Structure formats: structure tokens, C-alpha cells
């Protein structure tokens, strides 16, 4: 029985409705990961329901075998987000590679929520083993569960990457359907806590100036061409005063800034707060700049395997005013 996972630093949003385990789901094999851009037309036309039942999620897993990427695709993404080239691929890159499968699932006729009405509020990733830049993993995506939220209904999509039959990476993406209702669930169920990381208490380490074209540049390397990210004009059509940065760009850039402090085997948890309007100047805040905080605790060297009890590093991206929090997160060695 699979439910929404509860991980350190990001409490569960309440009891999720039961979802079939990954092994019990019907498997739909695809020849390739769909381009997210090709699915946005379908996303615009998709309609959602305001009331959902526990069995309303698609009961299938989308799978693509040998889902590699080009050297140029990975290099363009790494340069934009600030990752170094040549080592194992980042956790966030594997999320990007599964996003087309997420879009395929969420724009299907049996998905109960309108994808463009969903608010991306949190992610968790677990890197169980390093993934080489030339790997061709088997990628999977499925709907993992529904949960009641004070502002609506939370849907969790799960993903995995396998190499030679071994799960090397897992990911969970939490999306909020505002105003929706989950039948039979308590109306006061608590949502994910954004108080796990006190962003204002973290020292500022850097400032970034994000230009008005940041959303377009990230869409070019990640394929997420949601109109709210592309321009002031397209964002206004969806109720935003200006384009907003992708949460996944913010998360990737913050994790990349830790460099070798991120062990090869690790867990990353991020939550998204206030929209980051473009252009903007933002501050990166972290609990430590000492490589030993993660690396030494993970076995003595950057890229170690990690052990239980090692101290995690907290990260946050805020406006120049630290009370305006765009993202918080925790990076931990995975024991």
C-alpha cells in the first residue's frame, strides 16, 4: 500500500488516500519521454473536478526504457543552473527528464485535476547511487496519492530511475489543487509545514540577479513552457503581475551552489513559498559553507555514501528582505 511519503523536514500533509503499490499498477510502455512543450495545448484544454474520491487517480505507471539524453542537453542544463560538468548527473536533472512523463499522465483524460490550475509546492528526491552522464535509465512516473489540504487537495506524483534493474533515484512532486475537496477526508488536515527551515536565521551566502528572460531560458533547457514563466504578457493571462521563475530552477541553482558538499548518495527536500517575480534580486542562504558538514559526515570525502546521523545542510532562497521566502530545503546524506 503506497501513501504520500513523510520525510524529515517535510511532514506529511495528513493521511493520503491509499494508492496501489508501484508493482500493482498497470504498466504503459512508451517509446520515448514525451516533450512537455508538445502537451501544453492539451493542458490548456484540460478540465478538472472540484470533488474527488480516493480512487480517482490513474491506476497505471508510465515507463520508458533506455531514456538517455544528449551531452548537449545535459551541458546546457548544467551551465544554466550552475552545476559542474563531468561528474554524476544531479538529482534535479532526473526530475527534469521525468517531467514529460508527468505531463503525459496529468493531461490524460482520466486525470481528475486541471494541470494548469495546479500549484507546485514541494519536491523530494533520493539519489541511491550515482548516475553517469551517459546513462540510459528506465524512467517511470505514476500518481502516488491524494491528501486533503487546508486550501484544497494535494496530489503526489512519484517517479523513479533504474539502471540495470536497480532503482538509483526516486522523486516525489506535490501539487496543490486549490478549492478542490477530497471526499471522506477531514477538512482541517494540515498541509506541508514551511516552518521546518527558518530562512531568516540562515546566513546570506550570495545574491543572484535573475533577469526577465530567466523563465524562457530555463524552459529552453527543461521543456517546462508553462506560460506563467515565459513573459509578463503570458503570465498576466493567468493572473500574475509578471512572469515568475520556475521553482525547479530555483531549487536546482540552490543545490548546485553547494557543489561538492552534496554527497553522491543523498536526499533533497524542497518547498516553494512566495512566487519569485522576474526580474528580481534574490539571496541564497545556507546553514553552512563547510564541505565537511556533509562530505566528512558521509565518509570523509565529497561524494561519500552517507551515514545515519550526519548533519543536514539547510538552504533557502529569499528576496533581499529575508521575510519573503521563495524556497526552503534540506540536503542530507542518505544512510
Protein backbone atom coordinates (compact mmCIF):
# COMPACT_ATOMS: atom_id res chain seq x y z
CA UNK A 1 0.00 0.00 0.00
CA UNK A 2 1.58 3.28 -1.11
CA UNK A 3 0.80 6.60 0.52
CA UNK A 4 2.31 10.03 0.43
CA UNK A 5 5.76 9.69 1.97
CA UNK A 6 6.71 11.53 5.13
CA UNK A 7 10.34 12.62 5.17
CA UNK A 8 12.46 14.55 7.67
CA UNK A 9 11.93 18.28 7.32
CA UNK A 10 8.78 17.95 5.21
CA UNK A 11 5.99 16.49 7.31
CA UNK A 12 3.21 14.56 5.62
CA UNK A 13 0.19 16.68 4.74
CA UNK A 14 -2.13 14.31 6.56
CA UNK A 15 -3.46 10.88 5.69
CA UNK A 16 -3.18 10.34 1.97
CA UNK A 17 -5.75 8.20 0.23
CA UNK A 18 -4.42 4.69 -0.40
CA UNK A 19 -2.82 4.18 -3.81
CA UNK A 20 -1.84 0.87 -5.37
CA UNK A 21 1.79 -0.02 -4.94
CA UNK A 22 4.04 0.56 -7.93
CA UNK A 23 4.15 -3.16 -8.66
CA UNK A 24 0.35 -3.45 -8.72
CA UNK A 25 -0.17 -0.69 -11.29
CA UNK A 26 -0.87 -1.38 -14.92
CA UNK A 27 2.25 -0.55 -16.94
CA UNK A 28 2.05 1.57 -20.09
CA UNK A 29 5.28 1.43 -22.08
CA UNK A 30 6.21 4.43 -24.20
CA UNK A 31 8.89 4.59 -26.87
CA UNK A 32 10.26 7.90 -25.59
CA UNK A 33 9.66 10.54 -22.94
CA UNK A 34 7.15 12.99 -24.43
CA UNK A 35 8.19 16.60 -24.90
CA UNK A 36 6.40 18.66 -22.22
CA UNK A 37 6.02 21.50 -24.72
CA UNK A 38 4.01 19.25 -27.04
CA UNK A 39 1.49 18.60 -24.25
CA UNK A 40 0.76 22.17 -23.17
CA UNK A 41 -2.02 22.56 -25.74
CA UNK A 42 -3.76 19.59 -24.17
CA UNK A 43 -3.07 21.05 -20.72
CA UNK A 44 -4.84 24.30 -21.62
CA UNK A 45 -7.96 22.38 -22.68
CA UNK A 46 -7.97 20.02 -19.67
CA UNK A 47 -10.80 20.37 -17.18
CA UNK A 48 -10.67 19.40 -13.54
CA UNK A 49 -13.22 18.36 -10.96
CA UNK A 50 -13.84 20.14 -7.67
CA UNK A 51 -14.71 16.98 -5.75
CA UNK A 52 -12.52 13.87 -5.82
CA UNK A 53 -12.78 10.37 -4.46
CA UNK A 54 -9.98 8.11 -3.24
CA UNK A 55 -9.97 6.04 -6.44
CA UNK A 56 -9.91 8.89 -8.94
CA UNK A 57 -6.21 8.84 -9.82
CA UNK A 58 -4.99 6.91 -12.89
CA UNK A 59 -4.01 3.38 -11.88
CA UNK A 60 -1.11 2.99 -14.28
CA UNK A 61 2.62 3.60 -14.46
CA UNK A 62 4.21 5.21 -17.50
CA UNK A 63 7.56 3.61 -18.36
CA UNK A 64 10.27 4.47 -20.88
CA UNK A 65 13.27 2.17 -21.22
CA UNK A 66 16.70 3.38 -22.34
CA UNK A 67 15.70 7.00 -21.74
CA UNK A 68 19.02 8.71 -22.31
CA UNK A 69 19.86 12.29 -23.25
CA UNK A 70 22.40 14.11 -25.34
CA UNK A 71 25.62 15.56 -23.98
CA UNK A 72 24.47 18.98 -25.14
CA UNK A 73 21.12 18.76 -23.31
CA UNK A 74 22.85 17.94 -20.02
CA UNK A 75 25.57 20.55 -20.54
CA UNK A 76 23.07 23.34 -21.32
CA UNK A 77 21.08 22.50 -18.19
CA UNK A 78 24.19 22.29 -16.01
CA UNK A 79 25.53 25.64 -17.21
CA UNK A 80 22.23 27.45 -16.67
CA UNK A 81 21.71 26.06 -13.16
CA UNK A 82 25.35 26.26 -12.06
CA UNK A 83 26.31 22.60 -11.87
CA UNK A 84 29.83 21.49 -12.74
CA UNK A 85 30.28 19.19 -15.71
CA UNK A 86 31.90 15.77 -15.80
CA UNK A 87 30.56 14.09 -12.65
CA UNK A 88 27.36 12.17 -11.95
CA UNK A 89 24.14 13.86 -13.05
CA UNK A 90 22.26 15.98 -10.49
CA UNK A 91 19.10 14.73 -8.79
CA UNK A 92 17.24 17.68 -10.26
CA UNK A 93 18.24 16.64 -13.79
CA UNK A 94 16.48 13.29 -13.37
CA UNK A 95 13.38 15.20 -12.27
CA UNK A 96 13.60 17.22 -15.49
CA UNK A 97 13.90 14.01 -17.52
CA UNK A 98 10.74 12.58 -15.94
CA UNK A 99 8.70 15.79 -16.25
CA UNK A 100 7.45 14.86 -19.73
CA UNK A 101 6.00 11.66 -18.26
CA UNK A 102 4.35 13.71 -15.52
CA UNK A 103 2.77 15.93 -18.15
CA UNK A 104 1.64 12.89 -20.14
CA UNK A 105 -0.10 11.50 -17.05
CA UNK A 106 -1.61 14.81 -15.92
CA UNK A 107 -3.02 15.69 -19.35
CA UNK A 108 -4.68 12.30 -19.86
CA UNK A 109 -8.47 12.26 -19.91
CA UNK A 110 -8.66 10.17 -16.73
CA UNK A 111 -6.55 12.58 -14.63
CA UNK A 112 -9.08 14.33 -12.36
CA UNK A 113 -7.39 17.75 -12.00
CA UNK A 114 -6.65 20.54 -14.46
CA UNK A 115 -2.87 20.62 -14.77
CA UNK A 116 -2.55 24.39 -15.36
CA UNK A 117 -4.54 25.02 -12.19
CA UNK A 118 -2.12 23.04 -10.02
CA UNK A 119 0.39 24.79 -7.76
CA UNK A 120 3.76 23.05 -7.44
CA UNK A 121 4.53 23.26 -3.72
CA UNK A 122 7.18 20.66 -2.82
CA UNK A 123 9.63 18.01 -4.04
CA UNK A 124 11.68 15.20 -2.55
CA UNK A 125 14.47 13.30 -4.29
CA UNK A 126 16.57 10.36 -3.16
CA UNK A 127 19.75 9.54 -5.05
CA UNK A 128 20.59 5.94 -4.13
CA UNK A 129 23.58 5.62 -6.45
CA UNK A 130 25.44 7.98 -8.80
CA UNK A 131 24.13 8.12 -12.35
CA UNK A 132 26.70 8.58 -15.10
CA UNK A 133 26.25 11.35 -17.69
CA UNK A 134 26.00 8.74 -20.47
CA UNK A 135 23.49 6.53 -18.64
CA UNK A 136 20.28 5.36 -20.31
CA UNK A 137 17.99 4.66 -17.35
CA UNK A 138 14.48 3.26 -17.34
CA UNK A 139 12.21 6.09 -16.19
CA UNK A 140 8.81 5.66 -14.56
CA UNK A 141 6.07 8.02 -13.35
CA UNK A 142 2.80 7.29 -11.56
CA UNK A 143 0.22 9.01 -9.35
CA UNK A 144 1.10 8.20 -5.76
CA UNK A 145 -1.84 9.51 -3.77
CA UNK A 146 -4.26 12.26 -2.79
CA UNK A 147 -4.38 14.14 0.51
CA UNK A 148 -6.59 16.81 1.98
CA UNK A 149 -5.00 20.24 2.38
CA UNK A 150 -6.30 23.38 4.11
CA UNK A 151 -6.51 25.08 0.71
CA UNK A 152 -7.76 22.15 -1.35
CA UNK A 153 -6.40 18.76 -2.38
CA UNK A 154 -2.78 17.68 -2.65
CA UNK A 155 -1.79 15.22 -5.36
CA UNK A 156 1.60 13.49 -5.29
CA UNK A 157 3.28 12.14 -8.41
CA UNK A 158 6.12 9.66 -7.96
CA UNK A 159 9.00 8.87 -10.28
CA UNK A 160 11.97 6.56 -10.44
CA UNK A 161 15.07 5.87 -12.49
CA UNK A 162 16.53 2.38 -12.80
CA UNK A 163 19.89 1.28 -14.17
CA UNK A 164 20.50 -2.44 -14.72
CA UNK A 165 17.34 -3.25 -12.79
CA UNK A 166 18.35 -1.24 -9.71
CA UNK A 167 16.47 1.86 -8.54
CA UNK A 168 19.12 4.57 -8.45
CA UNK A 169 16.86 7.61 -8.00
CA UNK A 170 13.37 8.34 -6.67
CA UNK A 171 11.34 11.52 -6.72
CA UNK A 172 8.04 12.85 -5.42
CA UNK A 173 6.32 16.03 -6.63
CA UNK A 174 3.49 17.61 -4.63
CA UNK A 175 0.87 19.71 -6.42
CA UNK A 176 -1.99 21.63 -4.82
CA UNK A 177 -5.43 21.88 -6.44
CA UNK A 178 -6.86 24.96 -4.77
CA UNK A 179 -10.52 24.81 -3.81
CA UNK A 180 -10.90 21.11 -4.56
CA UNK A 181 -12.31 18.73 -1.98
CA UNK A 182 -11.37 15.14 -1.14
CA UNK A 183 -14.47 13.12 -0.25
CA UNK A 184 -14.32 11.49 3.15
CA UNK A 185 -11.22 13.40 4.26
CA UNK A 186 -11.18 15.80 7.23
CA UNK A 187 -11.40 19.38 6.06
CA UNK A 188 -8.80 20.63 8.52
CA UNK A 189 -5.95 18.30 7.51
CA UNK A 190 -2.63 20.07 7.78
CA UNK A 191 -0.59 20.88 4.70
CA UNK A 192 3.21 20.60 4.46
CA UNK A 193 4.94 22.77 7.03
CA UNK A 194 7.03 25.63 5.69
CA UNK A 195 8.45 26.16 9.17
CA UNK A 196 10.92 23.27 9.00
CA UNK A 197 13.63 25.69 7.81
CA UNK A 198 13.88 29.17 9.32
CA UNK A 199 15.12 31.02 6.24
CA UNK A 200 15.66 34.29 8.07
CA UNK A 201 18.04 32.61 10.53
CA UNK A 202 20.35 31.33 7.78
CA UNK A 203 23.38 33.45 6.82
CA UNK A 204 23.29 35.01 3.38
CA UNK A 205 25.94 33.46 1.12
CA UNK A 206 25.27 35.04 -2.28
CA UNK A 207 22.96 37.28 -4.26
CA UNK A 208 21.67 36.49 -7.71
CA UNK A 209 20.21 38.88 -10.23
CA UNK A 210 17.57 37.00 -12.21
CA UNK A 211 16.68 38.66 -15.48
CA UNK A 212 13.27 38.87 -17.12
CA UNK A 213 14.29 36.09 -19.52
CA UNK A 214 15.13 33.57 -16.75
CA UNK A 215 11.90 31.62 -17.25
CA UNK A 216 12.36 31.44 -21.01
CA UNK A 217 15.95 30.29 -20.63
CA UNK A 218 15.01 27.55 -18.17
CA UNK A 219 12.09 26.46 -20.37
CA UNK A 220 14.58 26.09 -23.19
CA UNK A 221 16.69 23.55 -21.31
CA UNK A 222 14.00 21.84 -19.21
CA UNK A 223 10.97 21.87 -21.51
CA UNK A 224 8.61 23.40 -18.94
CA UNK A 225 6.98 26.10 -21.08
CA UNK A 226 4.13 26.95 -18.72
CA UNK A 227 3.02 30.46 -19.81
CA UNK A 228 3.30 31.85 -16.27
CA UNK A 229 7.10 31.57 -16.59
CA UNK A 230 7.66 32.98 -20.08
CA UNK A 231 6.75 36.68 -20.18
CA UNK A 232 4.81 39.42 -18.42
CA UNK A 233 2.09 39.20 -21.06
CA UNK A 234 1.54 35.44 -20.84
CA UNK A 235 1.76 35.48 -17.04
CA UNK A 236 -0.92 38.18 -16.81
CA UNK A 237 -3.29 35.91 -18.71
CA UNK A 238 -3.09 33.54 -15.72
CA UNK A 239 -3.42 36.20 -13.02
CA UNK A 240 0.23 37.05 -12.29
CA UNK A 241 1.57 40.59 -12.49
CA UNK A 242 4.83 39.42 -14.08
CA UNK A 243 6.45 36.16 -15.13
CA UNK A 244 7.61 34.01 -12.22
CA UNK A 245 10.71 31.85 -12.03
CA UNK A 246 10.32 28.08 -12.16
CA UNK A 247 10.51 26.56 -8.71
CA UNK A 248 12.70 23.85 -10.16
CA UNK A 249 15.19 26.42 -11.46
CA UNK A 250 15.38 27.99 -8.01
CA UNK A 251 15.86 24.60 -6.36
CA UNK A 252 18.47 23.42 -8.86
CA UNK A 253 20.50 26.59 -8.59
CA UNK A 254 20.47 26.46 -4.79
CA UNK A 255 21.58 22.81 -4.72
CA UNK A 256 24.22 23.44 -7.38
CA UNK A 257 25.67 26.22 -5.23
CA UNK A 258 26.57 23.61 -2.58
CA UNK A 259 28.93 21.97 -5.07
CA UNK A 260 30.95 19.08 -3.58
CA UNK A 261 29.12 19.44 -0.28
CA UNK A 262 26.37 17.27 -1.81
CA UNK A 263 27.35 13.59 -1.45
CA UNK A 264 26.75 11.24 -4.36
CA UNK A 265 24.18 9.38 -2.26
CA UNK A 266 21.77 11.88 -0.73
CA UNK A 267 18.27 13.12 -0.11
CA UNK A 268 16.99 16.57 -1.06
CA UNK A 269 13.73 18.08 0.16
CA UNK A 270 12.45 21.45 -1.08
CA UNK A 271 9.34 23.51 -0.55
CA UNK A 272 8.23 26.51 -2.55
CA UNK A 273 6.86 29.66 -0.97
CA UNK A 274 6.17 33.11 -2.40
CA UNK A 275 6.27 33.46 -6.21
CA UNK A 276 9.62 34.77 -7.46
CA UNK A 277 8.67 37.52 -9.89
CA UNK A 278 11.06 38.32 -12.73
CA UNK A 279 13.26 40.28 -12.89
CA UNK A 280 14.40 40.10 -9.26
CA UNK A 281 17.42 40.07 -6.99
CA UNK A 282 17.37 37.17 -4.55
CA UNK A 283 19.58 35.89 -1.74
CA UNK A 284 20.91 32.37 -1.29
CA UNK A 285 21.07 31.35 2.36
CA UNK A 286 22.62 28.15 3.73
CA UNK A 287 23.33 26.77 7.18
CA UNK A 288 26.97 26.09 6.36
CA UNK A 289 29.67 26.69 3.78
CA UNK A 290 31.94 24.00 5.21
CA UNK A 291 32.37 20.99 2.91
CA UNK A 292 32.90 18.76 5.93
CA UNK A 293 29.33 19.23 7.14
CA UNK A 294 28.08 16.84 4.52
CA UNK A 295 31.15 15.31 2.97
CA UNK A 296 33.07 14.27 6.09
CA UNK A 297 29.91 13.01 7.73
CA UNK A 298 29.29 11.00 4.58
CA UNK A 299 32.51 9.04 4.79
CA UNK A 300 35.33 11.58 4.75
CA UNK A 301 35.27 12.86 1.18
CA UNK A 302 32.90 14.70 -1.13
CA UNK A 303 30.82 12.12 -2.93
CA UNK A 304 30.81 9.72 0.02
CA UNK A 305 27.95 7.35 0.61
CA UNK A 306 26.50 8.95 3.71
CA UNK A 307 25.60 7.57 7.11
CA UNK A 308 22.75 7.91 9.58
CA UNK A 309 23.00 10.87 11.93
CA UNK A 310 25.07 13.08 9.63
CA UNK A 311 24.14 16.73 9.88
CA UNK A 312 21.97 18.04 7.02
CA UNK A 313 22.53 21.39 5.36
CA UNK A 314 19.59 23.79 5.18
CA UNK A 315 19.13 26.04 2.16
CA UNK A 316 16.80 28.89 1.32
CA UNK A 317 16.23 31.43 -1.43
CA UNK A 318 14.67 34.68 -0.29
CA UNK A 319 14.16 38.21 -1.51
CA UNK A 320 16.63 40.80 -0.23
CA UNK A 321 14.13 41.03 2.61
CA UNK A 322 14.60 37.61 4.26
CA UNK A 323 10.99 37.52 5.41
CA UNK A 324 9.95 36.98 1.77
CA UNK A 325 10.77 33.30 1.28
CA UNK A 326 10.71 31.76 -2.19
CA UNK A 327 12.13 28.32 -1.36
CA UNK A 328 13.45 26.33 1.56
CA UNK A 329 15.14 22.96 1.57
CA UNK A 330 17.30 20.38 3.30
CA UNK A 331 20.15 18.37 1.77
CA UNK A 332 21.12 15.24 3.70
CA UNK A 333 23.42 12.25 3.23
CA UNK A 334 21.26 9.21 2.59
CA UNK A 335 22.05 6.47 5.07
